[in-house]
């Protein structure tokens, strides 16, 4: 495993069974790399007075297991938009190699509705990213939470705009060079011409501006609409994220919102009942010993020889 800036208990890396599920020593190493990134993120947040919250499966794990859900493979965090924007602003000077805060503005062709903190000395990639040019180190996810308007009409209008913009961004994300225009739809041809003169980052900036339109207004609800674009299960009470506190998480601790019960109940109902649900990432390529640059170079060389 790569060197880390945290002290890992001697027995943490050992294979272990929890809730009838066997956690391999390899996955324990991945968890250690992710917790190390979490602690690096905490240092920056403490320095600038920023707050993060554990979210989704990580929040359930913190509340229910005092650590990871046994079959989970990453850490999910959320930050209110103002704090998230500040993190993006200071990240380039605060995170030194191998730590890297990845988003649309810092890594070429990376287009997602959230940022990912990566350890560049490792390998962590979902299958669809294998041939992409961006950083593919082991990661933790960081989602921005936006205020959403109390008016249902204004909210639906906001989501309508976001979906249209996201559709245009996806045309860049999944573009296929070399296709004959005669075989493509009008929108595909248009998007190729459009992106030949417009930087996709400008489109993404406009997309984020629509997301954060109500950042300075008091609203009843928040959501990570940049990622989920209006799903009802992702609409939460603003009050749930007004304060935070730390709880045990594996051999360290993690921030959770004081209103965690309300937030989790809205999406998961009875979240304390254990359900073995696979991660949404599917199969992930993970290696805590080899940088993603070396890992995928060796893989390409092997394929070329075959």
C-alpha atoms as a PDB file:
ATOM      1  CA  UNK A   1       0.000   0.000   0.000  1.00  0.00           C
ATOM      2  CA  UNK A   2       1.174   3.563  -0.756  1.00  0.00           C
ATOM      3  CA  UNK A   3       2.475   5.695   2.152  1.00  0.00           C
ATOM      4  CA  UNK A   4      -0.297   7.547   3.997  1.00  0.00           C
ATOM      5  CA  UNK A   5      -0.376  10.497   6.402  1.00  0.00           C
ATOM      6  CA  UNK A   6      -2.500   8.690   8.967  1.00  0.00           C
ATOM      7  CA  UNK A   7      -1.661   6.004  11.517  1.00  0.00           C
ATOM      8  CA  UNK A   8      -3.505   2.769  10.778  1.00  0.00           C
ATOM      9  CA  UNK A   9      -4.193   0.321  13.630  1.00  0.00           C
ATOM     10  CA  UNK A  10      -2.195  -2.882  13.210  1.00  0.00           C
ATOM     11  CA  UNK A  11      -5.212  -5.150  12.840  1.00  0.00           C
ATOM     12  CA  UNK A  12      -7.277  -2.882  10.568  1.00  0.00           C
ATOM     13  CA  UNK A  13      -5.989  -4.288   7.269  1.00  0.00           C
ATOM     14  CA  UNK A  14      -6.776  -7.889   8.211  1.00  0.00           C
ATOM     15  CA  UNK A  15      -9.614  -9.690   6.406  1.00  0.00           C
ATOM     16  CA  UNK A  16     -12.776  -9.505   8.472  1.00  0.00           C
ATOM     17  CA  UNK A  17     -16.394 -10.642   8.420  1.00  0.00           C
ATOM     18  CA  UNK A  18     -19.121  -8.142   9.252  1.00  0.00           C
ATOM     19  CA  UNK A  19     -22.859  -8.736   8.999  1.00  0.00           C
ATOM     20  CA  UNK A  20     -22.143 -12.008   7.195  1.00  0.00           C
ATOM     21  CA  UNK A  21     -20.044 -10.240   4.553  1.00  0.00           C
ATOM     22  CA  UNK A  22     -16.308 -10.870   4.170  1.00  0.00           C
ATOM     23  CA  UNK A  23     -14.228  -7.715   3.754  1.00  0.00           C
ATOM     24  CA  UNK A  24     -10.904  -8.576   2.101  1.00  0.00           C
ATOM     25  CA  UNK A  25      -7.599  -7.110   3.213  1.00  0.00           C
ATOM     26  CA  UNK A  26      -7.385  -5.503  -0.244  1.00  0.00           C
ATOM     27  CA  UNK A  27     -10.631  -3.586   0.368  1.00  0.00           C
ATOM     28  CA  UNK A  28      -9.429  -2.628   3.839  1.00  0.00           C
ATOM     29  CA  UNK A  29      -6.384  -1.030   2.170  1.00  0.00           C
ATOM     30  CA  UNK A  30      -8.706   0.897  -0.161  1.00  0.00           C
ATOM     31  CA  UNK A  31     -10.679   2.096   2.857  1.00  0.00           C
ATOM     32  CA  UNK A  32      -7.440   3.233   4.521  1.00  0.00           C
ATOM     33  CA  UNK A  33      -6.474   5.257   1.420  1.00  0.00           C
ATOM     34  CA  UNK A  34      -9.922   6.884   1.410  1.00  0.00           C
ATOM     35  CA  UNK A  35      -9.844   7.687   5.130  1.00  0.00           C
ATOM     36  CA  UNK A  36      -6.430   9.259   4.598  1.00  0.00           C
ATOM     37  CA  UNK A  37      -7.963  11.531   1.935  1.00  0.00           C
ATOM     38  CA  UNK A  38     -10.857  12.327   4.279  1.00  0.00           C
ATOM     39  CA  UNK A  39      -8.382  13.513   6.918  1.00  0.00           C
ATOM     40  CA  UNK A  40      -6.511  15.648   4.366  1.00  0.00           C
ATOM     41  CA  UNK A  41      -9.819  17.207   3.358  1.00  0.00           C
ATOM     42  CA  UNK A  42     -10.644  17.864   7.013  1.00  0.00           C
ATOM     43  CA  UNK A  43      -7.377  19.768   7.471  1.00  0.00           C
ATOM     44  CA  UNK A  44      -8.296  22.130   4.627  1.00  0.00           C
ATOM     45  CA  UNK A  45     -11.886  22.488   5.857  1.00  0.00           C
ATOM     46  CA  UNK A  46     -10.690  23.342   9.369  1.00  0.00           C
ATOM     47  CA  UNK A  47      -8.213  25.878   7.999  1.00  0.00           C
ATOM     48  CA  UNK A  48     -10.898  27.783   6.061  1.00  0.00           C
ATOM     49  CA  UNK A  49     -13.885  27.202   8.342  1.00  0.00           C
ATOM     50  CA  UNK A  50     -15.670  24.887   5.906  1.00  0.00           C
ATOM     51  CA  UNK A  51     -18.059  22.079   6.791  1.00  0.00           C
ATOM     52  CA  UNK A  52     -18.539  18.734   5.081  1.00  0.00           C
ATOM     53  CA  UNK A  53     -21.094  16.063   5.962  1.00  0.00           C
ATOM     54  CA  UNK A  54     -21.025  12.313   5.439  1.00  0.00           C
ATOM     55  CA  UNK A  55     -23.807  11.385   3.037  1.00  0.00           C
ATOM     56  CA  UNK A  56     -25.621   8.462   1.395  1.00  0.00           C
ATOM     57  CA  UNK A  57     -24.069   5.064   2.196  1.00  0.00           C
ATOM     58  CA  UNK A  58     -21.262   6.685   4.174  1.00  0.00           C
ATOM     59  CA  UNK A  59     -23.806   8.418   6.428  1.00  0.00           C
ATOM     60  CA  UNK A  60     -25.726   5.172   6.909  1.00  0.00           C
ATOM     61  CA  UNK A  61     -22.458   3.394   7.681  1.00  0.00           C
ATOM     62  CA  UNK A  62     -21.443   6.027  10.221  1.00  0.00           C
ATOM     63  CA  UNK A  63     -24.802   5.839  12.014  1.00  0.00           C
ATOM     64  CA  UNK A  64     -25.459   2.106  11.722  1.00  0.00           C
ATOM     65  CA  UNK A  65     -21.976   0.517  11.677  1.00  0.00           C
ATOM     66  CA  UNK A  66     -19.678   3.216  13.106  1.00  0.00           C
ATOM     67  CA  UNK A  67     -17.741   2.845   9.863  1.00  0.00           C
ATOM     68  CA  UNK A  68     -18.245   1.666   6.308  1.00  0.00           C
ATOM     69  CA  UNK A  69     -21.225  -0.389   5.266  1.00  0.00           C
ATOM     70  CA  UNK A  70     -19.353  -3.717   4.890  1.00  0.00           C
ATOM     71  CA  UNK A  71     -19.920  -3.952   1.118  1.00  0.00           C
ATOM     72  CA  UNK A  72     -19.308  -0.279   0.318  1.00  0.00           C
ATOM     73  CA  UNK A  73     -16.256   0.821  -1.677  1.00  0.00           C
ATOM     74  CA  UNK A  74     -16.084   4.595  -1.290  1.00  0.00           C
ATOM     75  CA  UNK A  75     -16.824   7.651   0.836  1.00  0.00           C
ATOM     76  CA  UNK A  76     -19.619  10.078  -0.076  1.00  0.00           C
ATOM     77  CA  UNK A  77     -19.615  13.631   1.281  1.00  0.00           C
ATOM     78  CA  UNK A  78     -21.743  16.741   0.737  1.00  0.00           C
ATOM     79  CA  UNK A  79     -20.984  20.424   1.286  1.00  0.00           C
ATOM     80  CA  UNK A  80     -23.275  23.429   1.133  1.00  0.00           C
ATOM     81  CA  UNK A  81     -22.599  25.374  -2.078  1.00  0.00           C
ATOM     82  CA  UNK A  82     -20.701  28.291  -0.486  1.00  0.00           C
ATOM     83  CA  UNK A  83     -18.323  25.937   1.295  1.00  0.00           C
ATOM     84  CA  UNK A  84     -18.014  23.733  -1.794  1.00  0.00           C
ATOM     85  CA  UNK A  85     -17.106  26.714  -3.984  1.00  0.00           C
ATOM     86  CA  UNK A  86     -14.504  27.853  -1.466  1.00  0.00           C
ATOM     87  CA  UNK A  87     -13.000  24.356  -1.410  1.00  0.00           C
ATOM     88  CA  UNK A  88     -12.670  24.401  -5.201  1.00  0.00           C
ATOM     89  CA  UNK A  89     -11.027  27.818  -4.991  1.00  0.00           C
ATOM     90  CA  UNK A  90      -8.325  26.829  -2.480  1.00  0.00           C
ATOM     91  CA  UNK A  91      -7.792  23.210  -3.548  1.00  0.00           C
ATOM     92  CA  UNK A  92      -5.032  23.830  -6.137  1.00  0.00           C
ATOM     93  CA  UNK A  93      -2.743  25.408  -3.531  1.00  0.00           C
ATOM     94  CA  UNK A  94      -3.773  23.283  -0.539  1.00  0.00           C
ATOM     95  CA  UNK A  95      -3.710  19.743  -1.934  1.00  0.00           C
ATOM     96  CA  UNK A  96      -0.234  18.572  -2.879  1.00  0.00           C
ATOM     97  CA  UNK A  97       0.613  15.404  -4.784  1.00  0.00           C
ATOM     98  CA  UNK A  98      -0.553  12.683  -4.541  1.00  0.00           C
ATOM     99  CA  UNK A  99      -3.781  14.393  -3.401  1.00  0.00           C
ATOM    100  CA  UNK A 100      -5.844  15.964  -6.164  1.00  0.00           C
ATOM    101  CA  UNK A 101      -9.305  17.546  -6.181  1.00  0.00           C
ATOM    102  CA  UNK A 102     -10.789  16.578  -9.529  1.00  0.00           C
ATOM    103  CA  UNK A 103     -13.615  18.399 -11.273  1.00  0.00           C
ATOM    104  CA  UNK A 104     -14.534  19.894 -14.614  1.00  0.00           C
ATOM    105  CA  UNK A 105     -12.142  22.806 -14.112  1.00  0.00           C
ATOM    106  CA  UNK A 106      -9.071  20.888 -12.982  1.00  0.00           C
ATOM    107  CA  UNK A 107      -9.032  17.799 -15.210  1.00  0.00           C
ATOM    108  CA  UNK A 108      -9.579  17.515 -18.947  1.00  0.00           C
ATOM    109  CA  UNK A 109     -12.792  15.846 -20.143  1.00  0.00           C
ATOM    110  CA  UNK A 110     -13.999  15.157 -16.596  1.00  0.00           C
ATOM    111  CA  UNK A 111     -17.700  16.016 -16.593  1.00  0.00           C
ATOM    112  CA  UNK A 112     -19.681  15.011 -13.501  1.00  0.00           C
ATOM    113  CA  UNK A 113     -22.111  16.773 -11.214  1.00  0.00           C
ATOM    114  CA  UNK A 114     -19.668  16.607  -8.311  1.00  0.00           C
ATOM    115  CA  UNK A 115     -15.962  16.618  -7.476  1.00  0.00           C
ATOM    116  CA  UNK A 116     -13.773  13.694  -6.549  1.00  0.00           C
ATOM    117  CA  UNK A 117     -10.712  13.761  -4.345  1.00  0.00           C
ATOM    118  CA  UNK A 118      -8.100  11.364  -5.721  1.00  0.00           C
ATOM    119  CA  UNK A 119      -4.888   9.752  -4.553  1.00  0.00           C
ATOM    120  CA  UNK A 120      -2.810   9.874  -7.734  1.00  0.00           C
ATOM    121  CA  UNK A 121      -0.361   7.237  -6.474  1.00  0.00           C
ATOM    122  CA  UNK A 122      -3.116   4.591  -6.624  1.00  0.00           C
ATOM    123  CA  UNK A 123      -5.599   3.158  -9.119  1.00  0.00           C
ATOM    124  CA  UNK A 124      -9.370   3.459  -8.751  1.00  0.00           C
ATOM    125  CA  UNK A 125     -11.477   3.502 -11.901  1.00  0.00           C
ATOM    126  CA  UNK A 126     -14.956   2.508 -12.951  1.00  0.00           C
ATOM    127  CA  UNK A 127     -15.015   0.590 -16.220  1.00  0.00           C
ATOM    128  CA  UNK A 128     -16.420   3.401 -18.362  1.00  0.00           C
ATOM    129  CA  UNK A 129     -13.461   5.623 -17.412  1.00  0.00           C
ATOM    130  CA  UNK A 130     -10.674   3.209 -18.320  1.00  0.00           C
ATOM    131  CA  UNK A 131      -9.826   4.940 -21.608  1.00  0.00           C
ATOM    132  CA  UNK A 132     -10.497   8.489 -20.393  1.00  0.00           C
ATOM    133  CA  UNK A 133      -7.508  10.869 -20.104  1.00  0.00           C
ATOM    134  CA  UNK A 134      -8.229  12.133 -16.592  1.00  0.00           C
ATOM    135  CA  UNK A 135      -6.910  11.134 -13.158  1.00  0.00           C
ATOM    136  CA  UNK A 136      -8.042   7.642 -12.144  1.00  0.00           C
ATOM    137  CA  UNK A 137      -6.685   7.289  -8.631  1.00  0.00           C
ATOM    138  CA  UNK A 138      -8.720   5.897  -5.723  1.00  0.00           C
ATOM    139  CA  UNK A 139     -11.378   8.486  -4.888  1.00  0.00           C
ATOM    140  CA  UNK A 140     -13.923   9.929  -2.501  1.00  0.00           C
ATOM    141  CA  UNK A 141     -16.980  11.813  -3.806  1.00  0.00           C
ATOM    142  CA  UNK A 142     -17.875  15.376  -2.795  1.00  0.00           C
ATOM    143  CA  UNK A 143     -21.300  16.714  -3.835  1.00  0.00           C
ATOM    144  CA  UNK A 144     -22.456  20.354  -3.639  1.00  0.00           C
ATOM    145  CA  UNK A 145     -25.757  21.017  -1.860  1.00  0.00           C
ATOM    146  CA  UNK A 146     -27.819  23.817  -3.400  1.00  0.00           C
ATOM    147  CA  UNK A 147     -30.774  25.790  -2.078  1.00  0.00           C
ATOM    148  CA  UNK A 148     -33.823  25.139  -4.223  1.00  0.00           C
ATOM    149  CA  UNK A 149     -36.755  27.553  -4.593  1.00  0.00           C
ATOM    150  CA  UNK A 150     -39.863  27.158  -2.454  1.00  0.00           C
ATOM    151  CA  UNK A 151     -42.043  27.786  -5.514  1.00  0.00           C
ATOM    152  CA  UNK A 152     -42.725  24.493  -7.304  1.00  0.00           C
ATOM    153  CA  UNK A 153     -43.077  26.311 -10.599  1.00  0.00           C
ATOM    154  CA  UNK A 154     -39.668  27.972 -10.247  1.00  0.00           C
ATOM    155  CA  UNK A 155     -38.137  24.679  -9.161  1.00  0.00           C
ATOM    156  CA  UNK A 156     -39.524  22.847 -12.187  1.00  0.00           C
ATOM    157  CA  UNK A 157     -38.276  25.633 -14.437  1.00  0.00           C
ATOM    158  CA  UNK A 158     -34.826  25.372 -12.871  1.00  0.00           C
ATOM    159  CA  UNK A 159     -34.732  21.588 -13.356  1.00  0.00           C
ATOM    160  CA  UNK A 160     -35.963  21.923 -16.953  1.00  0.00           C
ATOM    161  CA  UNK A 161     -33.033  24.234 -17.717  1.00  0.00           C
ATOM    162  CA  UNK A 162     -30.570  21.917 -15.971  1.00  0.00           C
ATOM    163  CA  UNK A 163     -31.712  18.870 -17.914  1.00  0.00           C
ATOM    164  CA  UNK A 164     -31.344  20.702 -21.225  1.00  0.00           C
ATOM    165  CA  UNK A 165     -27.849  21.872 -20.312  1.00  0.00           C
ATOM    166  CA  UNK A 166     -26.861  18.422 -19.068  1.00  0.00           C
ATOM    167  CA  UNK A 167     -28.037  16.886 -22.324  1.00  0.00           C
ATOM    168  CA  UNK A 168     -25.729  19.258 -24.175  1.00  0.00           C
ATOM    169  CA  UNK A 169     -22.844  18.435 -21.817  1.00  0.00           C
ATOM    170  CA  UNK A 170     -23.398  14.725 -22.318  1.00  0.00           C
ATOM    171  CA  UNK A 171     -23.008  15.230 -26.055  1.00  0.00           C
ATOM    172  CA  UNK A 172     -19.496  16.421 -25.334  1.00  0.00           C
ATOM    173  CA  UNK A 173     -18.850  13.745 -22.713  1.00  0.00           C
ATOM    174  CA  UNK A 174     -19.885  10.859 -24.976  1.00  0.00           C
ATOM    175  CA  UNK A 175     -18.873  12.295 -28.311  1.00  0.00           C
ATOM    176  CA  UNK A 176     -17.522   9.766 -30.807  1.00  0.00           C
ATOM    177  CA  UNK A 177     -14.960  11.266 -33.180  1.00  0.00           C
ATOM    178  CA  UNK A 178     -14.825  10.012 -36.727  1.00  0.00           C
ATOM    179  CA  UNK A 179     -18.501   9.291 -37.282  1.00  0.00           C
ATOM    180  CA  UNK A 180     -19.989  10.404 -40.549  1.00  0.00           C
ATOM    181  CA  UNK A 181     -22.357  13.391 -40.045  1.00  0.00           C
ATOM    182  CA  UNK A 182     -24.837  11.662 -42.364  1.00  0.00           C
ATOM    183  CA  UNK A 183     -25.270   8.938 -39.727  1.00  0.00           C
ATOM    184  CA  UNK A 184     -25.698  11.268 -36.802  1.00  0.00           C
ATOM    185  CA  UNK A 185     -28.677  13.131 -35.415  1.00  0.00           C
ATOM    186  CA  UNK A 186     -28.982  16.878 -35.840  1.00  0.00           C
ATOM    187  CA  UNK A 187     -28.172  17.484 -32.160  1.00  0.00           C
ATOM    188  CA  UNK A 188     -24.999  15.394 -32.458  1.00  0.00           C
ATOM    189  CA  UNK A 189     -23.809  17.330 -35.489  1.00  0.00           C
ATOM    190  CA  UNK A 190     -24.768  20.609 -33.829  1.00  0.00           C
ATOM    191  CA  UNK A 191     -22.907  19.720 -30.640  1.00  0.00           C
ATOM    192  CA  UNK A 192     -19.720  18.902 -32.571  1.00  0.00           C
ATOM    193  CA  UNK A 193     -19.829  22.254 -34.309  1.00  0.00           C
ATOM    194  CA  UNK A 194     -20.787  23.976 -31.054  1.00  0.00           C
ATOM    195  CA  UNK A 195     -17.903  22.480 -29.077  1.00  0.00           C
ATOM    196  CA  UNK A 196     -15.437  23.271 -31.828  1.00  0.00           C
ATOM    197  CA  UNK A 197     -15.819  26.946 -30.911  1.00  0.00           C
ATOM    198  CA  UNK A 198     -17.051  26.827 -27.285  1.00  0.00           C
ATOM    199  CA  UNK A 199     -15.052  25.436 -24.362  1.00  0.00           C
ATOM    200  CA  UNK A 200     -17.178  22.798 -22.604  1.00  0.00           C
ATOM    201  CA  UNK A 201     -16.060  24.282 -19.285  1.00  0.00           C
ATOM    202  CA  UNK A 202     -18.017  27.451 -20.075  1.00  0.00           C
ATOM    203  CA  UNK A 203     -21.145  25.376 -20.567  1.00  0.00           C
ATOM    204  CA  UNK A 204     -20.492  23.591 -17.279  1.00  0.00           C
ATOM    205  CA  UNK A 205     -19.970  26.927 -15.515  1.00  0.00           C
ATOM    206  CA  UNK A 206     -23.353  28.080 -16.797  1.00  0.00           C
ATOM    207  CA  UNK A 207     -24.842  24.764 -15.628  1.00  0.00           C
ATOM    208  CA  UNK A 208     -23.440  25.339 -12.124  1.00  0.00           C
ATOM    209  CA  UNK A 209     -24.705  28.926 -12.105  1.00  0.00           C
ATOM    210  CA  UNK A 210     -28.229  27.634 -12.722  1.00  0.00           C
ATOM    211  CA  UNK A 211     -27.742  25.105  -9.906  1.00  0.00           C
ATOM    212  CA  UNK A 212     -26.589  27.775  -7.453  1.00  0.00           C
ATOM    213  CA  UNK A 213     -29.087  30.468  -8.465  1.00  0.00           C
ATOM    214  CA  UNK A 214     -30.680  30.478  -4.991  1.00  0.00           C
ATOM    215  CA  UNK A 215     -27.439  30.203  -3.010  1.00  0.00           C
ATOM    216  CA  UNK A 216     -27.964  33.515  -1.205  1.00  0.00           C
ATOM    217  CA  UNK A 217     -31.663  33.020  -0.505  1.00  0.00           C
ATOM    218  CA  UNK A 218     -33.301  31.339   2.456  1.00  0.00           C
ATOM    219  CA  UNK A 219     -35.192  28.296   1.201  1.00  0.00           C
ATOM    220  CA  UNK A 220     -36.906  25.378   2.890  1.00  0.00           C
ATOM    221  CA  UNK A 221     -35.074  22.677   0.956  1.00  0.00           C
ATOM    222  CA  UNK A 222     -31.663  21.756  -0.404  1.00  0.00           C
ATOM    223  CA  UNK A 223     -30.558  19.140  -2.915  1.00  0.00           C
ATOM    224  CA  UNK A 224     -27.556  18.096  -4.935  1.00  0.00           C
ATOM    225  CA  UNK A 225     -29.358  19.051  -8.111  1.00  0.00           C
ATOM    226  CA  UNK A 226     -26.037  19.372  -9.944  1.00  0.00           C
ATOM    227  CA  UNK A 227     -25.838  15.586  -9.709  1.00  0.00           C
ATOM    228  CA  UNK A 228     -29.422  14.316  -9.479  1.00  0.00           C
ATOM    229  CA  UNK A 229     -31.333  17.091 -11.297  1.00  0.00           C
ATOM    230  CA  UNK A 230     -34.469  17.159  -9.199  1.00  0.00           C
ATOM    231  CA  UNK A 231     -35.135  13.593  -7.999  1.00  0.00           C
ATOM    232  CA  UNK A 232     -37.732  13.739  -5.236  1.00  0.00           C
ATOM    233  CA  UNK A 233     -35.767  11.413  -2.923  1.00  0.00           C
ATOM    234  CA  UNK A 234     -32.913  13.930  -3.029  1.00  0.00           C
ATOM    235  CA  UNK A 235     -34.919  16.906  -1.751  1.00  0.00           C
ATOM    236  CA  UNK A 236     -34.115  17.524   1.911  1.00  0.00           C
ATOM    237  CA  UNK A 237     -34.948  20.058   4.590  1.00  0.00           C
ATOM    238  CA  UNK A 238     -32.378  22.858   4.822  1.00  0.00           C
ATOM    239  CA  UNK A 239     -32.580  22.675   8.602  1.00  0.00           C
ATOM    240  CA  UNK A 240     -31.188  19.136   8.516  1.00  0.00           C
ATOM    241  CA  UNK A 241     -27.815  20.553   7.469  1.00  0.00           C
ATOM    242  CA  UNK A 242     -27.687  23.581   9.767  1.00  0.00           C
ATOM    243  CA  UNK A 243     -25.319  21.936  12.262  1.00  0.00           C
ATOM    244  CA  UNK A 244     -22.981  18.954  12.405  1.00  0.00           C
ATOM    245  CA  UNK A 245     -21.251  16.731  14.916  1.00  0.00           C
ATOM    246  CA  UNK A 246     -18.605  14.015  14.800  1.00  0.00           C
ATOM    247  CA  UNK A 247     -19.280  10.301  15.247  1.00  0.00           C
ATOM    248  CA  UNK A 248     -16.937   7.278  15.230  1.00  0.00           C
ATOM    249  CA  UNK A 249     -15.984   5.988  11.784  1.00  0.00           C
ATOM    250  CA  UNK A 250     -13.702   2.952  11.654  1.00  0.00           C
ATOM    251  CA  UNK A 251     -10.553   4.004  13.579  1.00  0.00           C
ATOM    252  CA  UNK A 252     -11.274   7.753  13.298  1.00  0.00           C
ATOM    253  CA  UNK A 253     -14.338  10.012  13.184  1.00  0.00           C
ATOM    254  CA  UNK A 254     -16.435  11.788  10.579  1.00  0.00           C
ATOM    255  CA  UNK A 255     -18.842  14.752  10.399  1.00  0.00           C
ATOM    256  CA  UNK A 256     -22.545  14.029  10.076  1.00  0.00           C
ATOM    257  CA  UNK A 257     -25.465  16.500   9.940  1.00  0.00           C
ATOM    258  CA  UNK A 258     -27.493  16.892  13.124  1.00  0.00           C
ATOM    259  CA  UNK A 259     -30.587  16.220  11.016  1.00  0.00           C
ATOM    260  CA  UNK A 260     -29.245  12.920   9.669  1.00  0.00           C
ATOM    261  CA  UNK A 261     -32.411  10.990  10.549  1.00  0.00           C
ATOM    262  CA  UNK A 262     -34.649  13.264   8.464  1.00  0.00           C
ATOM    263  CA  UNK A 263     -32.187  13.257   5.567  1.00  0.00           C
ATOM    264  CA  UNK A 264     -31.830   9.444   5.521  1.00  0.00           C
ATOM    265  CA  UNK A 265     -35.517   8.674   6.094  1.00  0.00           C
ATOM    266  CA  UNK A 266     -36.561  10.751   3.068  1.00  0.00           C
ATOM    267  CA  UNK A 267     -34.365   8.697   0.746  1.00  0.00           C
ATOM    268  CA  UNK A 268     -34.121   5.270   2.377  1.00  0.00           C
ATOM    269  CA  UNK A 269     -37.093   4.972   4.773  1.00  0.00           C
ATOM    270  CA  UNK A 270     -35.963   2.335   7.312  1.00  0.00           C
ATOM    271  CA  UNK A 271     -32.240   2.890   6.878  1.00  0.00           C
ATOM    272  CA  UNK A 272     -31.342   0.975  10.053  1.00  0.00           C
ATOM    273  CA  UNK A 273     -32.458  -2.317   8.500  1.00  0.00           C
ATOM    274  CA  UNK A 274     -29.460  -3.974   6.873  1.00  0.00           C
ATOM    275  CA  UNK A 275     -29.836  -4.628   3.152  1.00  0.00           C
ATOM    276  CA  UNK A 276     -26.979  -6.015   1.073  1.00  0.00           C
ATOM    277  CA  UNK A 277     -27.243  -3.657  -1.901  1.00  0.00           C
ATOM    278  CA  UNK A 278     -24.289  -3.507  -4.330  1.00  0.00           C
ATOM    279  CA  UNK A 279     -22.474  -0.214  -4.809  1.00  0.00           C
ATOM    280  CA  UNK A 280     -23.749   1.954  -7.658  1.00  0.00           C
ATOM    281  CA  UNK A 281     -20.238   2.007  -9.106  1.00  0.00           C
ATOM    282  CA  UNK A 282     -20.452  -1.615 -10.274  1.00  0.00           C
ATOM    283  CA  UNK A 283     -17.080  -3.256 -10.859  1.00  0.00           C
ATOM    284  CA  UNK A 284     -14.269  -0.902  -9.881  1.00  0.00           C
ATOM    285  CA  UNK A 285     -10.607  -1.432 -10.733  1.00  0.00           C
ATOM    286  CA  UNK A 286      -8.704  -0.869  -7.494  1.00  0.00           C
ATOM    287  CA  UNK A 287      -4.994  -1.046  -6.670  1.00  0.00           C
ATOM    288  CA  UNK A 288      -3.414   0.574  -3.613  1.00  0.00           C
ATOM    289  CA  UNK A 289       0.154  -0.115  -4.743  1.00  0.00           C
ATOM    290  CA  UNK A 290       0.342   1.090  -8.355  1.00  0.00           C
ATOM    291  CA  UNK A 291      -0.328   4.602  -9.752  1.00  0.00           C
ATOM    292  CA  UNK A 292      -3.130   4.659 -12.307  1.00  0.00           C
ATOM    293  CA  UNK A 293      -0.690   5.944 -14.955  1.00  0.00           C
ATOM    294  CA  UNK A 294       1.481   2.822 -14.629  1.00  0.00           C
ATOM    295  CA  UNK A 295      -1.466   0.471 -14.196  1.00  0.00           C
ATOM    296  CA  UNK A 296      -3.206   1.485 -17.417  1.00  0.00           C
ATOM    297  CA  UNK A 297       0.021   1.786 -19.395  1.00  0.00           C
ATOM    298  CA  UNK A 298       0.850  -1.809 -18.546  1.00  0.00           C
ATOM    299  CA  UNK A 299      -2.694  -2.794 -19.463  1.00  0.00           C
ATOM    300  CA  UNK A 300      -2.480  -1.023 -22.840  1.00  0.00           C
ATOM    301  CA  UNK A 301       0.927  -2.561 -23.582  1.00  0.00           C
ATOM    302  CA  UNK A 302      -0.427  -6.004 -22.804  1.00  0.00           C
ATOM    303  CA  UNK A 303      -3.428  -5.521 -25.101  1.00  0.00           C
ATOM    304  CA  UNK A 304      -1.222  -4.276 -27.913  1.00  0.00           C
ATOM    305  CA  UNK A 305       0.999  -7.378 -27.673  1.00  0.00           C
ATOM    306  CA  UNK A 306      -2.036  -9.633 -27.779  1.00  0.00           C
END
